[in-house]
PDB file of N, CA and C in Angstrom:
ATOM      1  N   MET A   1     -13.609  21.340   2.930  1.00  0.00           N
ATOM      2  CA  MET A   1     -12.431  20.751   2.317  1.00  0.00           C
ATOM      3  C   MET A   1     -12.026  19.522   3.126  1.00  0.00           C
ATOM      4  N   ILE A   2     -11.759  18.431   2.402  1.00  0.00           N
ATOM      5  CA  ILE A   2     -11.270  17.215   3.055  1.00  0.00           C
ATOM      6  C   ILE A   2     -10.071  16.683   2.281  1.00  0.00           C
ATOM      7  N   SER A   3      -9.325  15.818   2.951  1.00  0.00           N
ATOM      8  CA  SER A   3      -8.150  15.244   2.293  1.00  0.00           C
ATOM      9  C   SER A   3      -7.902  13.832   2.802  1.00  0.00           C
ATOM     10  N   LYS A   4      -7.094  13.113   2.049  1.00  0.00           N
ATOM     11  CA  LYS A   4      -6.689  11.767   2.442  1.00  0.00           C
ATOM     12  C   LYS A   4      -5.292  11.516   1.907  1.00  0.00           C
ATOM     13  N   LYS A   5      -4.449  10.894   2.734  1.00  0.00           N
ATOM     14  CA  LYS A   5      -3.094  10.545   2.314  1.00  0.00           C
ATOM     15  C   LYS A   5      -3.087   9.124   1.768  1.00  0.00           C
ATOM     16  N   VAL A   6      -2.375   8.955   0.658  1.00  0.00           N
ATOM     17  CA  VAL A   6      -2.252   7.646   0.015  1.00  0.00           C
ATOM     18  C   VAL A   6      -0.818   7.457  -0.450  1.00  0.00           C
ATOM     19  N   LYS A   7      -0.423   6.194  -0.582  1.00  0.00           N
ATOM     20  CA  LYS A   7       0.910   5.878  -1.109  1.00  0.00           C
ATOM     21  C   LYS A   7       0.770   5.289  -2.502  1.00  0.00           C
ATOM     22  N   ILE A   8       1.681   5.687  -3.375  1.00  0.00           N
ATOM     23  CA  ILE A   8       1.710   5.138  -4.726  1.00  0.00           C
ATOM     24  C   ILE A   8       2.121   3.674  -4.625  1.00  0.00           C
ATOM     25  N   GLN A   9       1.287   2.778  -5.146  1.00  0.00           N
ATOM     26  CA  GLN A   9       1.540   1.341  -5.098  1.00  0.00           C
ATOM     27  C   GLN A   9       2.151   0.814  -6.391  1.00  0.00           C
ATOM     28  N   SER A  10       1.869   1.474  -7.489  1.00  0.00           N
ATOM     29  CA  SER A  10       2.330   1.014  -8.797  1.00  0.00           C
ATOM     30  C   SER A  10       3.847   1.051  -8.885  1.00  0.00           C
ATOM     31  N   SER A  11       4.430  -0.020  -9.396  1.00  0.00           N
ATOM     32  CA  SER A  11       5.891  -0.086  -9.503  1.00  0.00           C
ATOM     33  C   SER A  11       6.448   0.982 -10.437  1.00  0.00           C
ATOM     34  N   ASP A  12       5.640   1.464 -11.355  1.00  0.00           N
ATOM     35  CA  ASP A  12       6.077   2.514 -12.283  1.00  0.00           C
ATOM     36  C   ASP A  12       5.780   3.918 -11.777  1.00  0.00           C
ATOM     37  N   GLY A  13       5.129   4.023 -10.633  1.00  0.00           N
ATOM     38  CA  GLY A  13       4.790   5.333 -10.102  1.00  0.00           C
ATOM     39  C   GLY A  13       3.626   5.958 -10.855  1.00  0.00           C
ATOM     40  N   MET A  14       3.474   7.256 -10.674  1.00  0.00           N
ATOM     41  CA  MET A  14       2.374   7.984 -11.307  1.00  0.00           C
ATOM     42  C   MET A  14       2.906   8.690 -12.550  1.00  0.00           C
ATOM     43  N   HIS A  15       3.175   7.896 -13.588  1.00  0.00           N
ATOM     44  CA  HIS A  15       3.685   8.432 -14.847  1.00  0.00           C
ATOM     45  C   HIS A  15       2.504   8.882 -15.713  1.00  0.00           C
ATOM     46  N   MET A  16       2.734   9.095 -16.985  1.00  0.00           N
ATOM     47  CA  MET A  16       1.733   9.683 -17.881  1.00  0.00           C
ATOM     48  C   MET A  16       0.383   8.964 -17.872  1.00  0.00           C
ATOM     49  N   GLN A  17       0.384   7.657 -18.077  1.00  0.00           N
ATOM     50  CA  GLN A  17      -0.887   6.937 -18.185  1.00  0.00           C
ATOM     51  C   GLN A  17      -1.693   6.961 -16.881  1.00  0.00           C
ATOM     52  N   PRO A  18      -1.104   6.622 -15.724  1.00  0.00           N
ATOM     53  CA  PRO A  18      -1.893   6.688 -14.497  1.00  0.00           C
ATOM     54  C   PRO A  18      -2.316   8.113 -14.144  1.00  0.00           C
ATOM     55  N   ALA A  19      -1.453   9.079 -14.410  1.00  0.00           N
ATOM     56  CA  ALA A  19      -1.817  10.474 -14.137  1.00  0.00           C
ATOM     57  C   ALA A  19      -3.005  10.883 -15.004  1.00  0.00           C
ATOM     58  N   ASN A  20      -3.026  10.418 -16.238  1.00  0.00           N
ATOM     59  CA  ASN A  20      -4.146  10.711 -17.127  1.00  0.00           C
ATOM     60  C   ASN A  20      -5.433  10.075 -16.612  1.00  0.00           C
ATOM     61  N   GLU A  21      -5.344   8.846 -16.092  1.00  0.00           N
ATOM     62  CA  GLU A  21      -6.518   8.191 -15.501  1.00  0.00           C
ATOM     63  C   GLU A  21      -7.036   8.999 -14.312  1.00  0.00           C
ATOM     64  N   PHE A  22      -6.112   9.505 -13.499  1.00  0.00           N
ATOM     65  CA  PHE A  22      -6.487  10.321 -12.345  1.00  0.00           C
ATOM     66  C   PHE A  22      -7.219  11.580 -12.810  1.00  0.00           C
ATOM     67  N   VAL A  23      -6.663  12.263 -13.798  1.00  0.00           N
ATOM     68  CA  VAL A  23      -7.257  13.509 -14.304  1.00  0.00           C
ATOM     69  C   VAL A  23      -8.646  13.248 -14.888  1.00  0.00           C
ATOM     70  N   LYS A  24      -8.787  12.168 -15.664  1.00  0.00           N
ATOM     71  CA  LYS A  24     -10.097  11.848 -16.244  1.00  0.00           C
ATOM     72  C   LYS A  24     -11.145  11.663 -15.151  1.00  0.00           C
ATOM     73  N   LEU A  25     -10.776  10.956 -14.084  1.00  0.00           N
ATOM     74  CA  LEU A  25     -11.713  10.758 -12.981  1.00  0.00           C
ATOM     75  C   LEU A  25     -11.959  12.067 -12.239  1.00  0.00           C
ATOM     76  N   ALA A  26     -10.911  12.826 -11.972  1.00  0.00           N
ATOM     77  CA  ALA A  26     -11.036  14.086 -11.229  1.00  0.00           C
ATOM     78  C   ALA A  26     -11.964  15.068 -11.933  1.00  0.00           C
ATOM     79  N   LYS A  27     -11.938  15.072 -13.250  1.00  0.00           N
ATOM     80  CA  LYS A  27     -12.770  16.008 -14.015  1.00  0.00           C
ATOM     81  C   LYS A  27     -14.257  15.682 -13.937  1.00  0.00           C
ATOM     82  N   ASN A  28     -14.603  14.515 -13.390  1.00  0.00           N
ATOM     83  CA  ASN A  28     -16.010  14.160 -13.194  1.00  0.00           C
ATOM     84  C   ASN A  28     -16.620  14.843 -11.978  1.00  0.00           C
ATOM     85  N   PHE A  29     -15.798  15.458 -11.154  1.00  0.00           N
ATOM     86  CA  PHE A  29     -16.280  16.072  -9.920  1.00  0.00           C
ATOM     87  C   PHE A  29     -16.352  17.588 -10.050  1.00  0.00           C
ATOM     88  N   LYS A  30     -17.350  18.169  -9.378  1.00  0.00           N
ATOM     89  CA  LYS A  30     -17.500  19.628  -9.362  1.00  0.00           C
ATOM     90  C   LYS A  30     -16.468  20.278  -8.452  1.00  0.00           C
ATOM     91  N   SER A  31     -16.030  19.555  -7.443  1.00  0.00           N
ATOM     92  CA  SER A  31     -15.078  20.079  -6.456  1.00  0.00           C
ATOM     93  C   SER A  31     -13.747  20.430  -7.101  1.00  0.00           C
ATOM     94  N   LYS A  32     -13.042  21.355  -6.474  1.00  0.00           N
ATOM     95  CA  LYS A  32     -11.656  21.612  -6.843  1.00  0.00           C
ATOM     96  C   LYS A  32     -10.842  20.448  -6.292  1.00  0.00           C
ATOM     97  N   ILE A  33      -9.925  19.932  -7.087  1.00  0.00           N
ATOM     98  CA  ILE A  33      -9.108  18.782  -6.698  1.00  0.00           C
ATOM     99  C   ILE A  33      -7.640  19.192  -6.732  1.00  0.00           C
ATOM    100  N   PHE A  34      -6.933  18.833  -5.668  1.00  0.00           N
ATOM    101  CA  PHE A  34      -5.501  19.102  -5.592  1.00  0.00           C
ATOM    102  C   PHE A  34      -4.779  17.834  -5.154  1.00  0.00           C
ATOM    103  N   ILE A  35      -3.507  17.745  -5.519  1.00  0.00           N
ATOM    104  CA  ILE A  35      -2.626  16.693  -5.014  1.00  0.00           C
ATOM    105  C   ILE A  35      -1.429  17.398  -4.406  1.00  0.00           C
ATOM    106  N   SER A  36      -1.037  16.934  -3.225  1.00  0.00           N
ATOM    107  CA  SER A  36       0.104  17.529  -2.536  1.00  0.00           C
ATOM    108  C   SER A  36       1.164  16.462  -2.273  1.00  0.00           C
ATOM    109  N   LYS A  37       2.428  16.844  -2.513  1.00  0.00           N
ATOM    110  CA  LYS A  37       3.573  15.973  -2.214  1.00  0.00           C
ATOM    111  C   LYS A  37       4.639  16.832  -1.555  1.00  0.00           C
ATOM    112  N   ASN A  38       4.982  16.482  -0.329  1.00  0.00           N
ATOM    113  CA  ASN A  38       6.020  17.216   0.412  1.00  0.00           C
ATOM    114  C   ASN A  38       5.777  18.720   0.403  1.00  0.00           C
ATOM    115  N   GLY A  39       4.524  19.124   0.581  1.00  0.00           N
ATOM    116  CA  GLY A  39       4.194  20.543   0.652  1.00  0.00           C
ATOM    117  C   GLY A  39       3.944  21.217  -0.684  1.00  0.00           C
ATOM    118  N   LYS A  40       4.229  20.538  -1.790  1.00  0.00           N
ATOM    119  CA  LYS A  40       3.967  21.109  -3.119  1.00  0.00           C
ATOM    120  C   LYS A  40       2.568  20.684  -3.542  1.00  0.00           C
ATOM    121  N   LYS A  41       1.668  21.654  -3.712  1.00  0.00           N
ATOM    122  CA  LYS A  41       0.275  21.375  -4.053  1.00  0.00           C
ATOM    123  C   LYS A  41       0.010  21.773  -5.503  1.00  0.00           C
ATOM    124  N   VAL A  42      -0.563  20.832  -6.273  1.00  0.00           N
ATOM    125  CA  VAL A  42      -0.852  21.095  -7.683  1.00  0.00           C
ATOM    126  C   VAL A  42      -2.316  20.790  -8.000  1.00  0.00           C
ATOM    127  N   ASP A  43      -2.776  21.315  -9.113  1.00  0.00           N
ATOM    128  CA  ASP A  43      -4.132  21.106  -9.603  1.00  0.00           C
ATOM    129  C   ASP A  43      -4.307  19.648 -10.020  1.00  0.00           C
ATOM    130  N   GLY A  44      -5.233  18.954  -9.381  1.00  0.00           N
ATOM    131  CA  GLY A  44      -5.474  17.546  -9.667  1.00  0.00           C
ATOM    132  C   GLY A  44      -6.224  17.290 -10.956  1.00  0.00           C
ATOM    133  N   LYS A  45      -6.623  18.357 -11.643  1.00  0.00           N
ATOM    134  CA  LYS A  45      -7.302  18.205 -12.930  1.00  0.00           C
ATOM    135  C   LYS A  45      -6.382  18.588 -14.088  1.00  0.00           C
ATOM    136  N   SER A  46      -5.099  18.781 -13.783  1.00  0.00           N
ATOM    137  CA  SER A  46      -4.112  19.159 -14.796  1.00  0.00           C
ATOM    138  C   SER A  46      -3.039  18.081 -14.912  1.00  0.00           C
ATOM    139  N   LEU A  47      -2.991  17.420 -16.049  1.00  0.00           N
ATOM    140  CA  LEU A  47      -2.026  16.349 -16.276  1.00  0.00           C
ATOM    141  C   LEU A  47      -0.593  16.846 -16.100  1.00  0.00           C
ATOM    142  N   LEU A  48      -0.265  17.960 -16.714  1.00  0.00           N
ATOM    143  CA  LEU A  48       1.103  18.475 -16.618  1.00  0.00           C
ATOM    144  C   LEU A  48       1.477  18.829 -15.184  1.00  0.00           C
ATOM    145  N   SER A  49       0.545  19.403 -14.441  1.00  0.00           N
ATOM    146  CA  SER A  49       0.822  19.742 -13.039  1.00  0.00           C
ATOM    147  C   SER A  49       1.116  18.496 -12.219  1.00  0.00           C
ATOM    148  N   ILE A  50       0.335  17.455 -12.430  1.00  0.00           N
ATOM    149  CA  ILE A  50       0.539  16.208 -11.689  1.00  0.00           C
ATOM    150  C   ILE A  50       1.894  15.598 -12.023  1.00  0.00           C
ATOM    151  N   LEU A  51       2.267  15.626 -13.286  1.00  0.00           N
ATOM    152  CA  LEU A  51       3.546  15.040 -13.689  1.00  0.00           C
ATOM    153  C   LEU A  51       4.735  15.755 -13.054  1.00  0.00           C
ATOM    154  N   THR A  52       4.585  17.032 -12.687  1.00  0.00           N
ATOM    155  CA  THR A  52       5.688  17.759 -12.043  1.00  0.00           C
ATOM    156  C   THR A  52       5.989  17.231 -10.646  1.00  0.00           C
ATOM    157  N   LEU A  53       5.070  16.453 -10.072  1.00  0.00           N
ATOM    158  CA  LEU A  53       5.298  15.898  -8.734  1.00  0.00           C
ATOM    159  C   LEU A  53       6.308  14.755  -8.746  1.00  0.00           C
ATOM    160  N   VAL A  54       6.514  14.134  -9.883  1.00  0.00           N
ATOM    161  CA  VAL A  54       7.426  12.992 -10.028  1.00  0.00           C
ATOM    162  C   VAL A  54       7.175  11.994  -8.885  1.00  0.00           C
ATOM    163  N   ALA A  55       5.976  11.432  -8.868  1.00  0.00           N
ATOM    164  CA  ALA A  55       5.553  10.531  -7.797  1.00  0.00           C
ATOM    165  C   ALA A  55       5.884   9.087  -8.151  1.00  0.00           C
ATOM    166  N   SER A  56       6.943   8.570  -7.557  1.00  0.00           N
ATOM    167  CA  SER A  56       7.361   7.191  -7.802  1.00  0.00           C
ATOM    168  C   SER A  56       6.742   6.257  -6.760  1.00  0.00           C
ATOM    169  N   LYS A  57       6.963   4.963  -6.928  1.00  0.00           N
ATOM    170  CA  LYS A  57       6.406   3.967  -6.005  1.00  0.00           C
ATOM    171  C   LYS A  57       6.828   4.279  -4.573  1.00  0.00           C
ATOM    172  N   GLY A  58       5.854   4.196  -3.668  1.00  0.00           N
ATOM    173  CA  GLY A  58       6.115   4.423  -2.255  1.00  0.00           C
ATOM    174  C   GLY A  58       5.964   5.860  -1.803  1.00  0.00           C
ATOM    175  N   VAL A  59       5.836   6.781  -2.742  1.00  0.00           N
ATOM    176  CA  VAL A  59       5.684   8.198  -2.402  1.00  0.00           C
ATOM    177  C   VAL A  59       4.297   8.425  -1.810  1.00  0.00           C
ATOM    178  N   GLU A  60       4.241   9.233  -0.747  1.00  0.00           N
ATOM    179  CA  GLU A  60       2.961   9.568  -0.139  1.00  0.00           C
ATOM    180  C   GLU A  60       2.428  10.856  -0.748  1.00  0.00           C
ATOM    181  N   LEU A  61       1.190  10.793  -1.206  1.00  0.00           N
ATOM    182  CA  LEU A  61       0.501  11.953  -1.752  1.00  0.00           C
ATOM    183  C   LEU A  61      -0.708  12.257  -0.887  1.00  0.00           C
ATOM    184  N   GLU A  62      -1.111  13.507  -0.877  1.00  0.00           N
ATOM    185  CA  GLU A  62      -2.343  13.892  -0.199  1.00  0.00           C
ATOM    186  C   GLU A  62      -3.329  14.350  -1.261  1.00  0.00           C
ATOM    187  N   ILE A  63      -4.490  13.703  -1.291  1.00  0.00           N
ATOM    188  CA  ILE A  63      -5.562  14.076  -2.206  1.00  0.00           C
ATOM    189  C   ILE A  63      -6.456  15.055  -1.452  1.00  0.00           C
ATOM    190  N   ILE A  64      -6.691  16.214  -2.036  1.00  0.00           N
ATOM    191  CA  ILE A  64      -7.476  17.265  -1.391  1.00  0.00           C
ATOM    192  C   ILE A  64      -8.632  17.638  -2.314  1.00  0.00           C
ATOM    193  N   ALA A  65      -9.831  17.725  -1.750  1.00  0.00           N
ATOM    194  CA  ALA A  65     -10.993  18.148  -2.529  1.00  0.00           C
ATOM    195  C   ALA A  65     -11.759  19.203  -1.746  1.00  0.00           C
ATOM    196  N   ASP A  66     -12.296  20.166  -2.475  1.00  0.00           N
ATOM    197  CA  ASP A  66     -13.053  21.249  -1.862  1.00  0.00           C
ATOM    198  C   ASP A  66     -14.253  21.562  -2.746  1.00  0.00           C
ATOM    199  N   GLY A  67     -15.437  21.221  -2.253  1.00  0.00           N
ATOM    200  CA  GLY A  67     -16.645  21.494  -3.021  1.00  0.00           C
ATOM    201  C   GLY A  67     -17.791  20.598  -2.611  1.00  0.00           C
ATOM    202  N   SER A  68     -18.852  20.658  -3.386  1.00  0.00           N
ATOM    203  CA  SER A  68     -20.091  19.969  -3.026  1.00  0.00           C
ATOM    204  C   SER A  68     -19.980  18.447  -3.029  1.00  0.00           C
ATOM    205  N   ASP A  69     -19.084  17.898  -3.825  1.00  0.00           N
ATOM    206  CA  ASP A  69     -18.938  16.439  -3.890  1.00  0.00           C
ATOM    207  C   ASP A  69     -17.557  15.987  -3.403  1.00  0.00           C
ATOM    208  N   GLU A  70     -16.997  16.751  -2.462  1.00  0.00           N
ATOM    209  CA  GLU A  70     -15.626  16.502  -1.995  1.00  0.00           C
ATOM    210  C   GLU A  70     -15.425  15.122  -1.379  1.00  0.00           C
ATOM    211  N   ASN A  71     -16.397  14.651  -0.600  1.00  0.00           N
ATOM    212  CA  ASN A  71     -16.251  13.330   0.032  1.00  0.00           C
ATOM    213  C   ASN A  71     -16.131  12.229  -1.012  1.00  0.00           C
ATOM    214  N   ASP A  72     -17.039  12.220  -1.946  1.00  0.00           N
ATOM    215  CA  ASP A  72     -17.035  11.214  -3.007  1.00  0.00           C
ATOM    216  C   ASP A  72     -15.757  11.308  -3.838  1.00  0.00           C
ATOM    217  N   ALA A  73     -15.336  12.530  -4.120  1.00  0.00           N
ATOM    218  CA  ALA A  73     -14.127  12.743  -4.928  1.00  0.00           C
ATOM    219  C   ALA A  73     -12.900  12.147  -4.253  1.00  0.00           C
ATOM    220  N   VAL A  74     -12.699  12.460  -2.993  1.00  0.00           N
ATOM    221  CA  VAL A  74     -11.511  11.970  -2.286  1.00  0.00           C
ATOM    222  C   VAL A  74     -11.527  10.447  -2.188  1.00  0.00           C
ATOM    223  N   ILE A  75     -12.671   9.886  -1.879  1.00  0.00           N
ATOM    224  CA  ILE A  75     -12.773   8.427  -1.763  1.00  0.00           C
ATOM    225  C   ILE A  75     -12.433   7.747  -3.090  1.00  0.00           C
ATOM    226  N   LYS A  76     -13.041   8.198  -4.168  1.00  0.00           N
ATOM    227  CA  LYS A  76     -12.830   7.545  -5.470  1.00  0.00           C
ATOM    228  C   LYS A  76     -11.423   7.771  -6.013  1.00  0.00           C
ATOM    229  N   LEU A  77     -10.879   8.964  -5.835  1.00  0.00           N
ATOM    230  CA  LEU A  77      -9.524   9.240  -6.326  1.00  0.00           C
ATOM    231  C   LEU A  77      -8.476   8.486  -5.512  1.00  0.00           C
ATOM    232  N   ALA A  78      -8.674   8.413  -4.197  1.00  0.00           N
ATOM    233  CA  ALA A  78      -7.750   7.653  -3.351  1.00  0.00           C
ATOM    234  C   ALA A  78      -7.809   6.168  -3.706  1.00  0.00           C
ATOM    235  N   ASN A  79      -9.015   5.650  -3.937  1.00  0.00           N
ATOM    236  CA  ASN A  79      -9.159   4.243  -4.329  1.00  0.00           C
ATOM    237  C   ASN A  79      -8.451   3.958  -5.648  1.00  0.00           C
ATOM    238  N   LEU A  80      -8.514   4.891  -6.579  1.00  0.00           N
ATOM    239  CA  LEU A  80      -7.833   4.709  -7.861  1.00  0.00           C
ATOM    240  C   LEU A  80      -6.332   4.522  -7.648  1.00  0.00           C
ATOM    241  N   ILE A  81      -5.747   5.363  -6.807  1.00  0.00           N
ATOM    242  CA  ILE A  81      -4.309   5.267  -6.530  1.00  0.00           C
ATOM    243  C   ILE A  81      -3.986   3.993  -5.759  1.00  0.00           C
ATOM    244  N   GLU A  82      -4.773   3.708  -4.724  1.00  0.00           N
ATOM    245  CA  GLU A  82      -4.513   2.538  -3.884  1.00  0.00           C
ATOM    246  C   GLU A  82      -4.664   1.230  -4.653  1.00  0.00           C
ATOM    247  N   ASN A  83      -5.436   1.245  -5.718  1.00  0.00           N
ATOM    248  CA  ASN A  83      -5.651   0.042  -6.534  1.00  0.00           C
ATOM    249  C   ASN A  83      -4.822   0.065  -7.814  1.00  0.00           C
ATOM    250  N   ASN A  84      -3.634   0.682  -7.750  1.00  0.00           N
ATOM    251  CA  ASN A  84      -2.703   0.707  -8.889  1.00  0.00           C
ATOM    252  C   ASN A  84      -3.335   1.241 -10.165  1.00  0.00           C
ATOM    253  N   PHE A  85      -4.213   2.235 -10.016  1.00  0.00           N
ATOM    254  CA  PHE A  85      -4.852   2.864 -11.174  1.00  0.00           C
ATOM    255  C   PHE A  85      -5.626   1.842 -11.998  1.00  0.00           C
ATOM    256  N   ASN A  86      -6.196   0.867 -11.290  1.00  0.00           N
ATOM    257  CA  ASN A  86      -7.017  -0.196 -11.885  1.00  0.00           C
ATOM    258  C   ASN A  86      -6.251  -1.082 -12.858  1.00  0.00           C
ATOM    259  N   LYS A  87      -4.949  -1.107 -12.729  1.00  0.00           N
ATOM    260  CA  LYS A  87      -4.116  -1.962 -13.585  1.00  0.00           C
ATOM    261  C   LYS A  87      -3.498  -3.053 -12.726  1.00  0.00           C
ATOM    262  N   LYS A  88      -3.448  -4.254 -13.260  1.00  0.00           N
ATOM    263  CA  LYS A  88      -2.758  -5.340 -12.567  1.00  0.00           C
ATOM    264  C   LYS A  88      -1.284  -5.261 -12.916  1.00  0.00           C
ATOM    265  N   GLU A  89      -0.460  -5.455 -11.920  1.00  0.00           N
ATOM    266  CA  GLU A  89       0.982  -5.470 -12.154  1.00  0.00           C
ATOM    267  C   GLU A  89       1.331  -6.723 -12.949  1.00  0.00           C
ATOM    268  N   ILE A  90       2.072  -6.555 -13.999  1.00  0.00           N
ATOM    269  CA  ILE A  90       2.509  -7.683 -14.827  1.00  0.00           C
ATOM    270  C   ILE A  90       3.960  -7.974 -14.479  1.00  0.00           C
ATOM    271  N   LYS A  91       4.198  -9.189 -14.044  1.00  0.00           N
ATOM    272  CA  LYS A  91       5.558  -9.576 -13.671  1.00  0.00           C
ATOM    273  C   LYS A  91       6.165 -10.399 -14.792  1.00  0.00           C
ATOM    274  N   ASN A  92       7.397 -10.103 -15.102  1.00  0.00           N
ATOM    275  CA  ASN A  92       8.134 -10.905 -16.080  1.00  0.00           C
ATOM    276  C   ASN A  92       8.662 -12.139 -15.380  1.00  0.00           C
ATOM    277  N   GLU A  93       8.198 -13.265 -15.822  1.00  0.00           N
ATOM    278  CA  GLU A  93       8.672 -14.516 -15.242  1.00  0.00           C
ATOM    279  C   GLU A  93       9.290 -15.347 -16.351  1.00  0.00           C
ATOM    280  N   THR A  94      10.449 -15.879 -16.066  1.00  0.00           N
ATOM    281  CA  THR A  94      11.100 -16.752 -17.042  1.00  0.00           C
ATOM    282  C   THR A  94      10.935 -18.190 -16.603  1.00  0.00           C
ATOM    283  N   LYS A  95      10.766 -19.047 -17.586  1.00  0.00           N
ATOM    284  CA  LYS A  95      10.600 -20.471 -17.269  1.00  0.00           C
ATOM    285  C   LYS A  95      11.825 -21.224 -17.662  1.00  0.00           C
TER     286      LYS A  95
END
């Protein structure tokens, strides 16, 4: 079992769409995947479980994987979070 701590970078936090992206990626791994926030650990392959964490911008999460592909899982899932779930932040600018 390995883990890595990451901070939510997205200004909207880990709401429905980013959580769904996380779950889709997590389901590609054979390992058991968990996310922990302040001691509360949930199934990283369950959208509803992840949403119960209410992870807003700046919140630290721990990605935990246990299984044959745990290293790859933690690296790729942490990268997804650290890179704003592969979405560019759109800023409203007025001219």
